[in-house]
Amino acid sequence: MKEESDFKKITIIGVGLIGGSLGLALKENKPSFRIVGIDKQEIIEKAITRGAIDEGTVNLEEGIKEADIVILATPVKTILDLLPQINPFLKKECLVTDTGSTKKQIVKRANKMLSKDIHFVGGHPMVGSEKDGIDSADPHLFQDKTYILTPTNKSNLVALEKTFSIIRIIGAKRLILDPLDHDRIVGAVSHLPQILAVSLTNMISMLAQEENNNSYFKAIGGGFKDMNRIASSSYKI
């Protein structure tokens, strides 16, 4: 197995809820890891203050240079845009992984855009919150949660072992799926419930407004609050 001491530099692009939580979890369990964040300056400053990263930058080349692992923790569309942008700055044998909630497009683009000596392992931690941003990051967000991996022909054994190590360190449980299977299964168990929850909350709001009747909201119980929490979760990712 790849020695964790070989992880001299881990770069996280996007230090929000997921990226920030990854940084916090890694630093809590492996304080010796050097974690570098790439994001807007105000987010970098908050992430350093919270201890999620050791240092940060707004510059892709500066943040990625000599990184052993690069984690793309941004919305899916941004991940797709980033893959060709980061490729020139990645060192040979670098592991690139992501946290995007869909995998087919990302895996296809990674295979096309990343050099042959760069190893990509698609990832999707099955975690989230109705809150977002670095202020809501939690070092225990991944504890005992499922972390899906979608390896491809760019995922060699060493790259997989590195990814397994990261998942073990943050306390998650790995599940390996084909990218297409991932999108089909996650669409059913995660995306569909959010769509239904959004539809329900919108319908209740519409009824209350049409009838000018606040009793709808006064009658809300735990079940609806759970659905509202799901509806409030960020769907940008």
C-alpha atoms as a PDB file:
ATOM      1  CA  MET A   1       0.000   0.000   0.000  1.00  0.00           C
ATOM      2  CA  LYS A   2       1.148   3.544  -0.740  1.00  0.00           C
ATOM      3  CA  GLU A   3       2.742   5.034   2.369  1.00  0.00           C
ATOM      4  CA  GLU A   4       0.772   7.967   3.725  1.00  0.00           C
ATOM      5  CA  SER A   5       4.081   9.674   4.472  1.00  0.00           C
ATOM      6  CA  ASP A   6       4.473  10.005   0.694  1.00  0.00           C
ATOM      7  CA  PHE A   7       1.539  12.455   0.641  1.00  0.00           C
ATOM      8  CA  LYS A   8       3.746  15.514   0.972  1.00  0.00           C
ATOM      9  CA  LYS A   9       1.243  17.936  -0.535  1.00  0.00           C
ATOM     10  CA  ILE A  10      -2.528  17.584  -0.949  1.00  0.00           C
ATOM     11  CA  THR A  11      -4.315  20.346  -2.839  1.00  0.00           C
ATOM     12  CA  ILE A  12      -8.049  20.914  -2.446  1.00  0.00           C
ATOM     13  CA  ILE A  13      -9.704  23.054  -5.112  1.00  0.00           C
ATOM     14  CA  GLY A  14     -12.903  24.454  -3.620  1.00  0.00           C
ATOM     15  CA  VAL A  15     -12.744  24.853   0.153  1.00  0.00           C
ATOM     16  CA  GLY A  16     -16.459  24.924   0.915  1.00  0.00           C
ATOM     17  CA  LEU A  17     -18.556  22.453   2.899  1.00  0.00           C
ATOM     18  CA  ILE A  18     -17.081  19.323   1.290  1.00  0.00           C
ATOM     19  CA  GLY A  19     -13.564  20.567   0.558  1.00  0.00           C
ATOM     20  CA  GLY A  20     -13.304  22.264   3.929  1.00  0.00           C
ATOM     21  CA  SER A  21     -14.575  19.171   5.740  1.00  0.00           C
ATOM     22  CA  LEU A  22     -12.016  17.047   3.885  1.00  0.00           C
ATOM     23  CA  GLY A  23      -9.259  19.392   4.959  1.00  0.00           C
ATOM     24  CA  LEU A  24     -10.431  19.398   8.582  1.00  0.00           C
ATOM     25  CA  ALA A  25     -10.732  15.598   8.667  1.00  0.00           C
ATOM     26  CA  LEU A  26      -7.293  15.087   7.134  1.00  0.00           C
ATOM     27  CA  LYS A  27      -5.621  17.593   9.468  1.00  0.00           C
ATOM     28  CA  GLU A  28      -7.375  16.171  12.526  1.00  0.00           C
ATOM     29  CA  ASN A  29      -6.165  12.649  11.783  1.00  0.00           C
ATOM     30  CA  LYS A  30      -2.871  13.416  10.027  1.00  0.00           C
ATOM     31  CA  PRO A  31      -1.572  16.773  11.286  1.00  0.00           C
ATOM     32  CA  SER A  32       1.669  16.305   9.341  1.00  0.00           C
ATOM     33  CA  PHE A  33      -0.134  16.480   5.993  1.00  0.00           C
ATOM     34  CA  ARG A  34       0.428  19.726   4.108  1.00  0.00           C
ATOM     35  CA  ILE A  35      -2.974  20.822   2.847  1.00  0.00           C
ATOM     36  CA  VAL A  36      -3.171  23.618   0.283  1.00  0.00           C
ATOM     37  CA  GLY A  37      -6.475  25.226  -0.691  1.00  0.00           C
ATOM     38  CA  ILE A  38      -7.434  26.998  -3.903  1.00  0.00           C
ATOM     39  CA  ASP A  39     -10.443  29.308  -3.760  1.00  0.00           C
ATOM     40  CA  LYS A  40     -11.427  32.958  -3.463  1.00  0.00           C
ATOM     41  CA  GLN A  41      -9.189  34.926  -1.106  1.00  0.00           C
ATOM     42  CA  GLU A  42     -11.859  35.488   1.550  1.00  0.00           C
ATOM     43  CA  ILE A  43     -12.641  31.761   1.633  1.00  0.00           C
ATOM     44  CA  ILE A  44      -8.945  30.889   1.863  1.00  0.00           C
ATOM     45  CA  GLU A  45      -8.574  33.169   4.874  1.00  0.00           C
ATOM     46  CA  LYS A  46     -11.533  31.540   6.638  1.00  0.00           C
ATOM     47  CA  ALA A  47     -10.250  28.038   5.823  1.00  0.00           C
ATOM     48  CA  ILE A  48      -6.825  28.827   7.286  1.00  0.00           C
ATOM     49  CA  THR A  49      -8.425  30.297  10.411  1.00  0.00           C
ATOM     50  CA  ARG A  50     -10.550  27.162  10.840  1.00  0.00           C
ATOM     51  CA  GLY A  51      -7.546  24.887  10.341  1.00  0.00           C
ATOM     52  CA  ALA A  52      -8.888  23.201   7.209  1.00  0.00           C
ATOM     53  CA  ILE A  53      -5.791  24.117   5.198  1.00  0.00           C
ATOM     54  CA  ASP A  54      -2.234  25.121   5.996  1.00  0.00           C
ATOM     55  CA  GLU A  55      -2.006  27.651   3.202  1.00  0.00           C
ATOM     56  CA  GLY A  56      -4.022  28.826   0.234  1.00  0.00           C
ATOM     57  CA  THR A  57      -3.943  30.663  -3.052  1.00  0.00           C
ATOM     58  CA  VAL A  58      -6.228  31.930  -5.793  1.00  0.00           C
ATOM     59  CA  ASN A  59      -3.687  30.782  -8.413  1.00  0.00           C
ATOM     60  CA  LEU A  60      -4.152  27.310  -9.933  1.00  0.00           C
ATOM     61  CA  GLU A  61      -0.527  26.794 -10.959  1.00  0.00           C
ATOM     62  CA  GLU A  62       0.832  27.882  -7.595  1.00  0.00           C
ATOM     63  CA  GLY A  63      -1.572  25.682  -5.662  1.00  0.00           C
ATOM     64  CA  ILE A  64      -1.204  22.562  -7.801  1.00  0.00           C
ATOM     65  CA  LYS A  65       2.546  22.578  -8.445  1.00  0.00           C
ATOM     66  CA  GLU A  66       4.255  19.510  -6.916  1.00  0.00           C
ATOM     67  CA  ALA A  67       1.007  18.241  -5.364  1.00  0.00           C
ATOM     68  CA  ASP A  68       0.819  14.474  -4.819  1.00  0.00           C
ATOM     69  CA  ILE A  69      -2.987  14.548  -4.688  1.00  0.00           C
ATOM     70  CA  VAL A  70      -5.398  17.093  -6.162  1.00  0.00           C
ATOM     71  CA  ILE A  71      -9.022  16.988  -4.996  1.00  0.00           C
ATOM     72  CA  LEU A  72     -11.638  18.834  -7.052  1.00  0.00           C
ATOM     73  CA  ALA A  73     -14.334  19.741  -4.510  1.00  0.00           C
ATOM     74  CA  THR A  74     -16.461  22.078  -6.604  1.00  0.00           C
ATOM     75  CA  PRO A  75     -19.813  21.857  -8.420  1.00  0.00           C
ATOM     76  CA  VAL A  76     -19.884  19.400 -11.331  1.00  0.00           C
ATOM     77  CA  LYS A  77     -19.805  22.059 -14.048  1.00  0.00           C
ATOM     78  CA  THR A  78     -16.745  23.655 -12.471  1.00  0.00           C
ATOM     79  CA  ILE A  79     -15.007  20.267 -12.248  1.00  0.00           C
ATOM     80  CA  LEU A  80     -15.580  19.775 -15.978  1.00  0.00           C
ATOM     81  CA  ASP A  81     -14.079  23.204 -16.652  1.00  0.00           C
ATOM     82  CA  LEU A  82     -11.133  22.651 -14.305  1.00  0.00           C
ATOM     83  CA  LEU A  83      -9.865  19.342 -15.712  1.00  0.00           C
ATOM     84  CA  PRO A  84      -8.206  20.814 -18.833  1.00  0.00           C
ATOM     85  CA  GLN A  85      -7.040  23.873 -16.872  1.00  0.00           C
ATOM     86  CA  ILE A  86      -5.127  21.917 -14.225  1.00  0.00           C
ATOM     87  CA  ASN A  87      -3.510  19.367 -16.542  1.00  0.00           C
ATOM     88  CA  PRO A  88      -0.447  21.476 -17.520  1.00  0.00           C
ATOM     89  CA  PHE A  89       0.466  22.044 -13.865  1.00  0.00           C
ATOM     90  CA  LEU A  90       0.187  18.466 -12.553  1.00  0.00           C
ATOM     91  CA  LYS A  91       3.363  16.551 -11.799  1.00  0.00           C
ATOM     92  CA  LYS A  92       3.838  13.034 -13.162  1.00  0.00           C
ATOM     93  CA  GLU A  93       1.987  10.264 -11.295  1.00  0.00           C
ATOM     94  CA  CYS A  94      -0.240  12.787  -9.510  1.00  0.00           C
ATOM     95  CA  LEU A  95      -3.582  11.459  -8.291  1.00  0.00           C
ATOM     96  CA  VAL A  96      -6.557  13.597  -9.287  1.00  0.00           C
ATOM     97  CA  THR A  97      -9.922  12.877  -7.706  1.00  0.00           C
ATOM     98  CA  ASP A  98     -13.193  14.742  -7.318  1.00  0.00           C
ATOM     99  CA  THR A  99     -16.298  14.913  -5.149  1.00  0.00           C
ATOM    100  CA  GLY A 100     -18.887  15.537  -7.874  1.00  0.00           C
ATOM    101  CA  SER A 101     -22.395  14.135  -7.515  1.00  0.00           C
ATOM    102  CA  THR A 102     -22.521  12.765 -11.081  1.00  0.00           C
ATOM    103  CA  LYS A 103     -19.763  10.713 -12.625  1.00  0.00           C
ATOM    104  CA  LYS A 104     -20.226   9.801 -16.311  1.00  0.00           C
ATOM    105  CA  GLN A 105     -19.393  13.258 -17.698  1.00  0.00           C
ATOM    106  CA  ILE A 106     -16.552  13.851 -15.258  1.00  0.00           C
ATOM    107  CA  VAL A 107     -14.873  10.489 -15.879  1.00  0.00           C
ATOM    108  CA  LYS A 108     -15.191  10.890 -19.648  1.00  0.00           C
ATOM    109  CA  ARG A 109     -13.666  14.367 -19.555  1.00  0.00           C
ATOM    110  CA  ALA A 110     -10.865  13.306 -17.213  1.00  0.00           C
ATOM    111  CA  ASN A 111      -9.916  10.459 -19.548  1.00  0.00           C
ATOM    112  CA  LYS A 112      -9.833  12.900 -22.448  1.00  0.00           C
ATOM    113  CA  MET A 113      -8.138  15.893 -20.836  1.00  0.00           C
ATOM    114  CA  LEU A 114      -5.588  14.488 -18.383  1.00  0.00           C
ATOM    115  CA  SER A 115      -2.158  13.298 -19.517  1.00  0.00           C
ATOM    116  CA  LYS A 116      -1.372   9.585 -19.550  1.00  0.00           C
ATOM    117  CA  ASP A 117       0.987   9.913 -16.584  1.00  0.00           C
ATOM    118  CA  ILE A 118      -1.781  11.462 -14.437  1.00  0.00           C
ATOM    119  CA  HIS A 119      -4.117   9.081 -12.598  1.00  0.00           C
ATOM    120  CA  PHE A 120      -7.783   9.921 -12.093  1.00  0.00           C
ATOM    121  CA  VAL A 121     -10.170   8.270  -9.633  1.00  0.00           C
ATOM    122  CA  GLY A 122     -13.727   9.592  -9.611  1.00  0.00           C
ATOM    123  CA  GLY A 123     -15.221  10.046  -6.160  1.00  0.00           C
ATOM    124  CA  HIS A 124     -18.498  11.021  -4.518  1.00  0.00           C
ATOM    125  CA  PRO A 125     -18.891  11.203  -0.724  1.00  0.00           C
ATOM    126  CA  MET A 126     -22.533  10.521   0.144  1.00  0.00           C
ATOM    127  CA  VAL A 127     -22.730  13.377   2.618  1.00  0.00           C
ATOM    128  CA  GLY A 128     -24.203  16.833   2.683  1.00  0.00           C
ATOM    129  CA  SER A 129     -26.072  19.434   4.655  1.00  0.00           C
ATOM    130  CA  GLU A 130     -28.731  22.079   4.208  1.00  0.00           C
ATOM    131  CA  LYS A 131     -25.885  24.485   5.017  1.00  0.00           C
ATOM    132  CA  ASP A 132     -22.889  25.154   2.821  1.00  0.00           C
ATOM    133  CA  GLY A 133     -19.577  26.982   2.802  1.00  0.00           C
ATOM    134  CA  ILE A 134     -16.421  26.743   4.883  1.00  0.00           C
ATOM    135  CA  ASP A 135     -18.260  28.042   7.958  1.00  0.00           C
ATOM    136  CA  SER A 136     -20.311  24.814   7.985  1.00  0.00           C
ATOM    137  CA  ALA A 137     -17.369  22.451   7.374  1.00  0.00           C
ATOM    138  CA  ASP A 138     -17.172  19.541   9.833  1.00  0.00           C
ATOM    139  CA  PRO A 139     -14.186  17.210  10.400  1.00  0.00           C
ATOM    140  CA  HIS A 140     -16.579  14.348  11.207  1.00  0.00           C
ATOM    141  CA  LEU A 141     -18.842  14.834   8.179  1.00  0.00           C
ATOM    142  CA  PHE A 142     -17.547  11.638   6.525  1.00  0.00           C
ATOM    143  CA  GLN A 143     -17.435   9.414   9.614  1.00  0.00           C
ATOM    144  CA  ASP A 144     -19.060   6.038   8.799  1.00  0.00           C
ATOM    145  CA  LYS A 145     -20.568   7.500   5.612  1.00  0.00           C
ATOM    146  CA  THR A 146     -20.336   5.888   2.181  1.00  0.00           C
ATOM    147  CA  TYR A 147     -17.721   7.274  -0.187  1.00  0.00           C
ATOM    148  CA  ILE A 148     -18.302   6.046  -3.749  1.00  0.00           C
ATOM    149  CA  LEU A 149     -15.366   5.567  -6.128  1.00  0.00           C
ATOM    150  CA  THR A 150     -15.666   5.136  -9.896  1.00  0.00           C
ATOM    151  CA  PRO A 151     -12.245   3.974 -11.118  1.00  0.00           C
ATOM    152  CA  THR A 152     -11.401   3.937 -14.827  1.00  0.00           C
ATOM    153  CA  ASN A 153      -8.511   2.929 -17.055  1.00  0.00           C
ATOM    154  CA  LYS A 154      -6.702   6.001 -15.696  1.00  0.00           C
ATOM    155  CA  SER A 155      -6.973   4.614 -12.156  1.00  0.00           C
ATOM    156  CA  ASN A 156      -3.938   2.391 -11.642  1.00  0.00           C
ATOM    157  CA  LEU A 157      -3.373   0.332  -8.497  1.00  0.00           C
ATOM    158  CA  VAL A 158      -1.208   2.943  -6.779  1.00  0.00           C
ATOM    159  CA  ALA A 159      -3.804   5.647  -7.456  1.00  0.00           C
ATOM    160  CA  LEU A 160      -6.546   3.464  -5.993  1.00  0.00           C
ATOM    161  CA  GLU A 161      -4.444   2.721  -2.913  1.00  0.00           C
ATOM    162  CA  LYS A 162      -3.881   6.442  -2.378  1.00  0.00           C
ATOM    163  CA  THR A 163      -7.620   7.055  -2.604  1.00  0.00           C
ATOM    164  CA  PHE A 164      -8.359   4.161  -0.242  1.00  0.00           C
ATOM    165  CA  SER A 165      -5.930   5.716   2.264  1.00  0.00           C
ATOM    166  CA  ILE A 166      -7.676   9.092   2.121  1.00  0.00           C
ATOM    167  CA  ILE A 167     -11.073   7.461   2.642  1.00  0.00           C
ATOM    168  CA  ARG A 168      -9.773   5.430   5.570  1.00  0.00           C
ATOM    169  CA  ILE A 169      -8.196   8.490   7.202  1.00  0.00           C
ATOM    170  CA  ILE A 170     -11.433  10.506   7.094  1.00  0.00           C
ATOM    171  CA  GLY A 171     -13.406   7.563   8.518  1.00  0.00           C
ATOM    172  CA  ALA A 172     -15.603   6.815   5.510  1.00  0.00           C
ATOM    173  CA  LYS A 173     -16.631   3.472   3.969  1.00  0.00           C
ATOM    174  CA  ARG A 174     -15.739   2.939   0.336  1.00  0.00           C
ATOM    175  CA  LEU A 175     -18.055   1.599  -2.355  1.00  0.00           C
ATOM    176  CA  ILE A 176     -16.761   0.988  -5.886  1.00  0.00           C
ATOM    177  CA  LEU A 177     -19.190   1.467  -8.776  1.00  0.00           C
ATOM    178  CA  ASP A 178     -19.068   1.829 -12.533  1.00  0.00           C
ATOM    179  CA  PRO A 179     -19.675   5.517 -13.452  1.00  0.00           C
ATOM    180  CA  LEU A 180     -22.957   4.714 -15.204  1.00  0.00           C
ATOM    181  CA  ASP A 181     -24.154   2.574 -12.300  1.00  0.00           C
ATOM    182  CA  HIS A 182     -23.241   5.407  -9.946  1.00  0.00           C
ATOM    183  CA  ASP A 183     -25.363   7.933 -11.818  1.00  0.00           C
ATOM    184  CA  ARG A 184     -28.324   5.566 -12.046  1.00  0.00           C
ATOM    185  CA  ILE A 185     -28.211   4.494  -8.396  1.00  0.00           C
ATOM    186  CA  VAL A 186     -27.421   7.899  -6.885  1.00  0.00           C
ATOM    187  CA  GLY A 187     -30.091   9.468  -9.078  1.00  0.00           C
ATOM    188  CA  ALA A 188     -32.623   7.148  -7.442  1.00  0.00           C
ATOM    189  CA  VAL A 189     -31.463   7.293  -3.814  1.00  0.00           C
ATOM    190  CA  SER A 190     -30.232  10.888  -3.571  1.00  0.00           C
ATOM    191  CA  HIS A 191     -31.252  13.162  -6.434  1.00  0.00           C
ATOM    192  CA  LEU A 192     -34.859  11.938  -6.761  1.00  0.00           C
ATOM    193  CA  PRO A 193     -35.640  12.435  -3.039  1.00  0.00           C
ATOM    194  CA  GLN A 194     -34.346  16.001  -3.293  1.00  0.00           C
ATOM    195  CA  ILE A 195     -36.528  16.696  -6.326  1.00  0.00           C
ATOM    196  CA  LEU A 196     -39.562  15.323  -4.474  1.00  0.00           C
ATOM    197  CA  ALA A 197     -38.713  17.346  -1.367  1.00  0.00           C
ATOM    198  CA  VAL A 198     -38.405  20.563  -3.372  1.00  0.00           C
ATOM    199  CA  SER A 199     -41.732  19.833  -5.091  1.00  0.00           C
ATOM    200  CA  LEU A 200     -43.446  19.251  -1.740  1.00  0.00           C
ATOM    201  CA  THR A 201     -42.158  22.426  -0.095  1.00  0.00           C
ATOM    202  CA  ASN A 202     -43.036  24.481  -3.164  1.00  0.00           C
ATOM    203  CA  MET A 203     -46.561  23.040  -3.195  1.00  0.00           C
ATOM    204  CA  ILE A 204     -47.161  23.837   0.489  1.00  0.00           C
ATOM    205  CA  SER A 205     -45.880  27.381   0.002  1.00  0.00           C
ATOM    206  CA  MET A 206     -48.138  27.817  -3.025  1.00  0.00           C
ATOM    207  CA  LEU A 207     -51.221  26.546  -1.176  1.00  0.00           C
ATOM    208  CA  ALA A 208     -50.563  28.807   1.802  1.00  0.00           C
ATOM    209  CA  GLN A 209     -50.111  31.797  -0.474  1.00  0.00           C
ATOM    210  CA  GLU A 210     -53.169  31.093  -2.632  1.00  0.00           C
ATOM    211  CA  GLU A 211     -55.398  30.651   0.415  1.00  0.00           C
ATOM    212  CA  ASN A 212     -53.642  33.343   2.459  1.00  0.00           C
ATOM    213  CA  ASN A 213     -53.541  30.739   5.207  1.00  0.00           C
ATOM    214  CA  ASN A 214     -50.531  30.470   7.531  1.00  0.00           C
ATOM    215  CA  SER A 215     -52.030  27.417   9.219  1.00  0.00           C
ATOM    216  CA  TYR A 216     -50.141  25.256   6.728  1.00  0.00           C
ATOM    217  CA  PHE A 217     -46.883  26.378   8.306  1.00  0.00           C
ATOM    218  CA  LYS A 218     -48.188  26.222  11.879  1.00  0.00           C
ATOM    219  CA  ALA A 219     -49.232  22.597  11.344  1.00  0.00           C
ATOM    220  CA  ILE A 220     -45.802  21.485  10.141  1.00  0.00           C
ATOM    221  CA  GLY A 221     -44.364  18.508  12.024  1.00  0.00           C
ATOM    222  CA  GLY A 222     -41.113  16.588  12.064  1.00  0.00           C
ATOM    223  CA  GLY A 223     -41.726  14.753   8.800  1.00  0.00           C
ATOM    224  CA  PHE A 224     -42.167  17.929   6.790  1.00  0.00           C
ATOM    225  CA  LYS A 225     -39.179  19.534   8.504  1.00  0.00           C
ATOM    226  CA  ASP A 226     -37.039  16.586   7.403  1.00  0.00           C
ATOM    227  CA  MET A 227     -38.266  17.003   3.837  1.00  0.00           C
ATOM    228  CA  ASN A 228     -37.632  20.747   4.003  1.00  0.00           C
ATOM    229  CA  ARG A 229     -34.072  20.098   5.178  1.00  0.00           C
ATOM    230  CA  ILE A 230     -33.514  17.862   2.147  1.00  0.00           C
ATOM    231  CA  ALA A 231     -35.055  20.480  -0.124  1.00  0.00           C
ATOM    232  CA  SER A 232     -32.737  23.112   1.335  1.00  0.00           C
ATOM    233  CA  SER A 233     -29.591  21.120   0.535  1.00  0.00           C
ATOM    234  CA  SER A 234     -27.431  22.675  -2.146  1.00  0.00           C
ATOM    235  CA  TYR A 235     -28.128  21.264  -5.605  1.00  0.00           C
ATOM    236  CA  LYS A 236     -25.326  23.199  -7.332  1.00  0.00           C
ATOM    237  CA  ILE A 237     -22.998  20.288  -6.671  1.00  0.00           C
END
